[in-house]
Protein backbone atom coordinates (compact mmCIF):
# COMPACT_ATOMS: atom_id res chain seq x y z
CA MET A 1 -94.45 -5.02 217.03
CA LYS A 2 -92.94 -7.93 218.94
CA LYS A 3 -95.85 -10.09 217.80
CA TRP A 4 -95.09 -9.36 214.12
CA ILE A 5 -91.39 -10.12 214.58
CA GLY A 6 -92.18 -13.46 216.20
CA THR A 7 -94.53 -14.37 213.36
CA ILE A 8 -91.85 -13.49 210.77
CA ILE A 9 -89.21 -15.59 212.54
CA LEU A 10 -91.57 -18.56 212.82
CA THR A 11 -92.42 -18.29 209.13
CA CYS A 12 -88.73 -18.23 208.20
CA LEU A 13 -88.06 -21.30 210.27
CA ILE A 14 -90.89 -23.22 208.61
CA VAL A 15 -89.76 -22.20 205.11
CA GLY A 16 -86.15 -23.10 205.91
CA SER A 17 -87.19 -26.47 207.23
CA LEU A 18 -89.17 -27.23 204.05
CA LEU A 19 -86.25 -26.17 201.86
CA MET A 20 -83.83 -28.46 203.74
CA GLN A 21 -86.21 -31.42 203.36
CA ASN A 22 -86.47 -30.78 199.63
CA VAL A 23 -82.67 -30.59 199.21
CA SER A 24 -82.19 -33.81 201.20
CA ALA A 25 -84.81 -35.58 199.08
CA LYS A 26 -83.03 -34.57 195.88
CA SER A 27 -79.49 -35.37 197.00
CA GLY A 28 -80.14 -38.63 198.89
CA PRO A 29 -80.01 -42.14 197.41
CA GLN A 30 -83.02 -42.96 195.27
CA PRO A 31 -84.61 -46.42 195.39
CA ASN A 32 -84.84 -46.60 191.60
CA GLU A 33 -81.19 -45.64 191.22
CA THR A 34 -80.13 -48.38 193.65
CA ILE A 35 -82.16 -50.96 191.77
CA GLY A 36 -80.70 -49.73 188.48
CA GLN A 37 -77.14 -50.13 189.79
CA ALA A 38 -77.96 -53.63 191.03
CA SER A 39 -79.28 -54.50 187.56
CA ILE A 40 -76.05 -53.23 185.99
CA ASP A 41 -73.98 -55.34 188.39
CA GLU A 42 -76.09 -58.41 187.57
CA LYS A 43 -75.63 -57.82 183.83
CA GLU A 44 -71.86 -57.50 184.27
CA GLU A 45 -71.83 -60.75 186.23
CA VAL A 46 -73.82 -62.49 183.47
CA VAL A 47 -71.38 -61.18 180.86
CA GLU A 48 -68.44 -62.50 182.90
CA LEU A 49 -70.11 -65.89 183.26
CA ASN A 50 -70.79 -66.02 179.52
CA LEU A 51 -67.16 -65.16 178.80
CA GLU A 52 -66.01 -67.94 181.14
CA LYS A 53 -68.44 -70.35 179.49
CA ASN A 54 -67.22 -69.40 176.03
CA GLY A 55 -63.65 -69.86 177.19
CA LEU A 56 -64.43 -73.35 178.45
CA GLU A 57 -66.17 -74.20 175.19
CA SER A 58 -63.11 -73.00 173.27
CA GLU A 59 -60.89 -75.23 175.38
CA VAL A 60 -63.17 -78.19 174.69
CA GLU A 61 -63.04 -77.47 170.95
CA GLU A 62 -59.24 -77.42 171.11
CA LEU A 63 -58.96 -80.82 172.81
CA ASP A 64 -56.61 -83.09 170.92
CA GLU A 65 -58.53 -85.64 168.86
CA SER A 66 -55.45 -87.29 167.36
CA LEU A 67 -55.02 -91.05 167.56
CA THR A 68 -53.28 -92.28 170.68
CA GLY A 69 -50.35 -94.68 170.51
CA ASP A 70 -52.54 -97.61 171.57
CA GLN A 71 -55.16 -96.77 168.92
CA ILE A 72 -52.48 -96.51 166.23
CA ASN A 73 -50.86 -99.82 167.04
CA GLU A 74 -54.23 -101.50 167.35
CA LEU A 75 -54.92 -100.45 163.76
CA LEU A 76 -51.47 -101.52 162.61
CA GLU A 77 -51.85 -104.93 164.19
CA SER A 78 -55.19 -105.51 162.48
CA ALA A 79 -53.56 -108.29 160.43
CA GLU A 80 -54.09 -110.48 163.49
CA LYS A 81 -57.78 -110.39 162.52
CA ASP A 82 -58.10 -109.12 158.95
CA LEU A 83 -56.57 -106.71 156.42
CA PHE A 84 -58.84 -103.76 157.26
CA GLY A 85 -56.96 -100.54 156.45
CA TRP A 86 -54.29 -102.26 154.32
CA SER A 87 -54.04 -101.42 150.59
CA ALA A 88 -51.95 -103.10 147.89
CA VAL A 89 -49.64 -101.06 145.66
CA GLY A 90 -48.96 -103.12 142.51
CA ALA A 91 -48.99 -106.31 144.54
CA ASP A 92 -51.12 -109.07 146.01
CA ILE A 93 -51.46 -109.00 149.79
CA GLU A 94 -52.73 -111.79 152.02
CA ARG A 95 -53.06 -112.44 155.72
CA VAL A 96 -51.25 -115.68 156.58
CA GLU A 97 -50.56 -117.66 159.73
CA ILE A 98 -47.55 -119.63 158.48
CA GLU A 99 -45.13 -116.82 159.37
CA SER A 100 -45.13 -114.32 162.24
CA ILE A 101 -42.78 -112.70 164.70
CA HIS A 102 -45.55 -111.42 166.95
CA GLY A 103 -48.97 -112.90 167.47
CA ASN A 104 -50.38 -115.52 165.13
CA ALA A 105 -50.35 -113.87 161.70
CA SER A 106 -48.46 -111.63 159.31
CA VAL A 107 -49.03 -110.07 155.89
CA ARG A 108 -47.57 -111.69 152.79
CA ILE A 109 -46.83 -109.35 149.88
CA THR A 110 -46.19 -110.62 146.35
CA THR A 111 -45.28 -107.88 143.89
CA GLU A 112 -46.44 -107.91 140.25
CA ASN A 113 -42.99 -107.01 138.85
CA LYS A 114 -44.48 -104.35 136.60
CA GLN A 115 -42.73 -101.31 138.05
CA GLU A 116 -40.65 -100.14 140.97
CA HIS A 117 -42.21 -99.07 144.26
CA GLU A 118 -44.65 -101.96 144.63
CA GLY A 119 -45.83 -103.20 148.00
CA VAL A 120 -48.37 -102.17 150.63
CA VAL A 121 -49.63 -99.02 152.38
CA LEU A 122 -51.58 -98.17 155.53
CA ALA A 123 -53.21 -94.78 156.18
CA LEU A 124 -53.49 -93.27 159.68
CA SER A 125 -55.43 -90.15 160.72
CA PRO A 126 -55.75 -87.86 162.53
CA ILE A 127 -52.07 -87.57 163.45
CA LYS A 128 -50.51 -84.89 165.67
CA PRO A 129 -48.66 -82.11 163.82
CA GLU A 130 -45.10 -81.10 164.70
CA VAL A 131 -44.41 -84.32 166.62
CA ASN A 132 -41.55 -86.80 166.27
CA TYR A 133 -42.61 -90.34 165.29
CA GLU A 134 -40.84 -93.60 164.61
CA TYR A 135 -42.23 -95.94 161.97
CA SER A 136 -40.89 -99.49 162.24
CA VAL A 137 -41.65 -102.91 160.74
CA TYR A 138 -40.26 -106.43 160.83
CA ALA A 139 -39.84 -108.08 157.43
CA LYS A 140 -38.38 -111.23 155.90
CA GLY A 141 -38.36 -112.90 152.48
CA GLU A 142 -36.96 -111.97 149.09
CA GLY A 143 -36.45 -108.54 147.63
CA ASP A 144 -35.02 -105.10 148.30
CA VAL A 145 -37.50 -102.91 150.18
CA TYR A 146 -37.64 -99.54 151.90
CA LEU A 147 -40.06 -97.59 154.10
CA GLU A 148 -41.80 -94.41 153.02
CA ILE A 149 -44.04 -91.93 154.84
CA GLU A 150 -46.23 -89.42 153.04
CA GLU A 151 -47.85 -86.59 154.99
CA THR A 152 -51.08 -84.90 153.90
CA SER A 153 -53.28 -82.14 155.32
CA SER A 154 -56.90 -82.45 156.43
CA ARG A 155 -57.84 -81.31 152.89
CA GLY A 156 -55.81 -84.08 151.28
CA GLN A 157 -52.98 -81.79 150.16
CA PHE A 158 -49.61 -83.53 149.83
CA LEU A 159 -47.09 -82.05 152.28
CA LYS A 160 -43.94 -84.15 152.58
CA ARG A 161 -42.37 -87.51 151.68
CA THR A 162 -39.68 -89.26 153.77
CA GLN A 163 -37.89 -92.49 152.78
CA SER A 164 -35.52 -94.92 154.46
CA GLU A 165 -32.53 -96.63 152.93
CA SER A 166 -33.36 -99.85 151.06
CA VAL A 167 -32.76 -103.18 152.83
CA THR A 168 -32.11 -106.58 151.25
CA LEU A 169 -34.40 -109.12 152.88
CA THR A 170 -33.35 -112.59 154.01
CA ASN A 171 -35.05 -115.59 155.59
CA GLU A 172 -34.54 -113.99 159.01
CA TRP A 173 -36.81 -111.34 160.46
CA GLN A 174 -35.14 -107.94 160.52
CA ARG A 175 -36.30 -104.60 161.81
CA ILE A 176 -36.52 -101.57 159.50
CA ASP A 177 -37.26 -98.11 160.89
CA LEU A 178 -37.75 -94.52 159.78
CA ASN A 179 -38.08 -91.38 161.94
CA ILE A 180 -39.97 -88.21 161.01
CA GLU A 181 -41.16 -84.95 162.50
CA THR A 182 -44.62 -84.13 161.17
CA VAL A 183 -45.15 -80.62 159.81
CA ALA A 184 -47.62 -78.07 161.17
CA GLU A 185 -50.41 -78.95 158.70
CA THR A 186 -50.11 -82.76 158.93
CA ASN A 187 -53.36 -84.62 159.56
CA GLN A 188 -52.71 -87.99 157.89
CA VAL A 189 -49.72 -90.21 157.24
CA ASP A 190 -49.51 -93.01 154.67
CA LEU A 191 -47.07 -95.76 155.73
CA PHE A 192 -45.54 -97.64 152.79
CA ILE A 193 -43.38 -100.75 152.47
CA LEU A 194 -42.17 -100.76 148.86
CA THR A 195 -39.68 -102.46 146.56
CA ALA A 196 -36.64 -100.36 145.71
CA SER A 197 -36.70 -101.38 142.01
CA GLN A 198 -38.82 -103.33 139.58
CA GLN A 199 -38.62 -106.91 140.82
CA ARG A 200 -40.70 -109.93 141.67
CA ALA A 201 -40.51 -109.93 145.42
CA LEU A 202 -42.25 -112.12 147.96
CA PHE A 203 -41.93 -111.03 151.56
CA TYR A 204 -43.71 -111.01 154.90
CA THR A 205 -44.21 -108.09 157.26
CA ASP A 206 -45.30 -108.08 160.87
CA MET A 207 -45.28 -106.02 164.06
CA ILE A 208 -45.71 -102.69 162.29
CA GLN A 209 -45.57 -99.77 164.71
CA PHE A 210 -45.84 -95.98 164.54
CA ASN A 211 -44.83 -94.52 167.90
CA GLU A 212 -44.54 -91.00 169.21
CA LEU A 213 -41.00 -90.33 170.43
């Protein structure tokens, strides 16, 4: 009788031990599950890196590509070398060295006397939007002239026109200026020096500047 009881107890112990091992195997950490979690963490890290990369690329795309002040004034002072970028408006324009207030040359403008608003224009782009600028020139000669700025978008759409008061020129150099604040869509400005009425004018212009205030 005692022998049978001992056998039963031993059997129960063995069965209990096997059951405990099975439960521990099911509830413990699995190698595959650990690897899977590591893979998920790696994917999340890659996603974060990609987001950071995309953010940097966006910042690069948003870098300001507008002309700097030095680049603008280098273009405006091109008359020291040639008339690249200058366009006549009902007038003859010529680079001359007989008159200048800065450097060795200026631009001579002779209007055709066919209509008002004759003179010269220079186009600058790209220009910063919503920024205050001062457009200034030195001029001398004969005629009544004024400054004008036309703003256009990157698609060439006309946005705004700003004009100065007209000035009667003399044989002395005088400074004429005009301030503007570009609008949100501005990409290009056209800088004009024009006659205020129909007239045969002959004048010189030099030291043209377009500065951010």
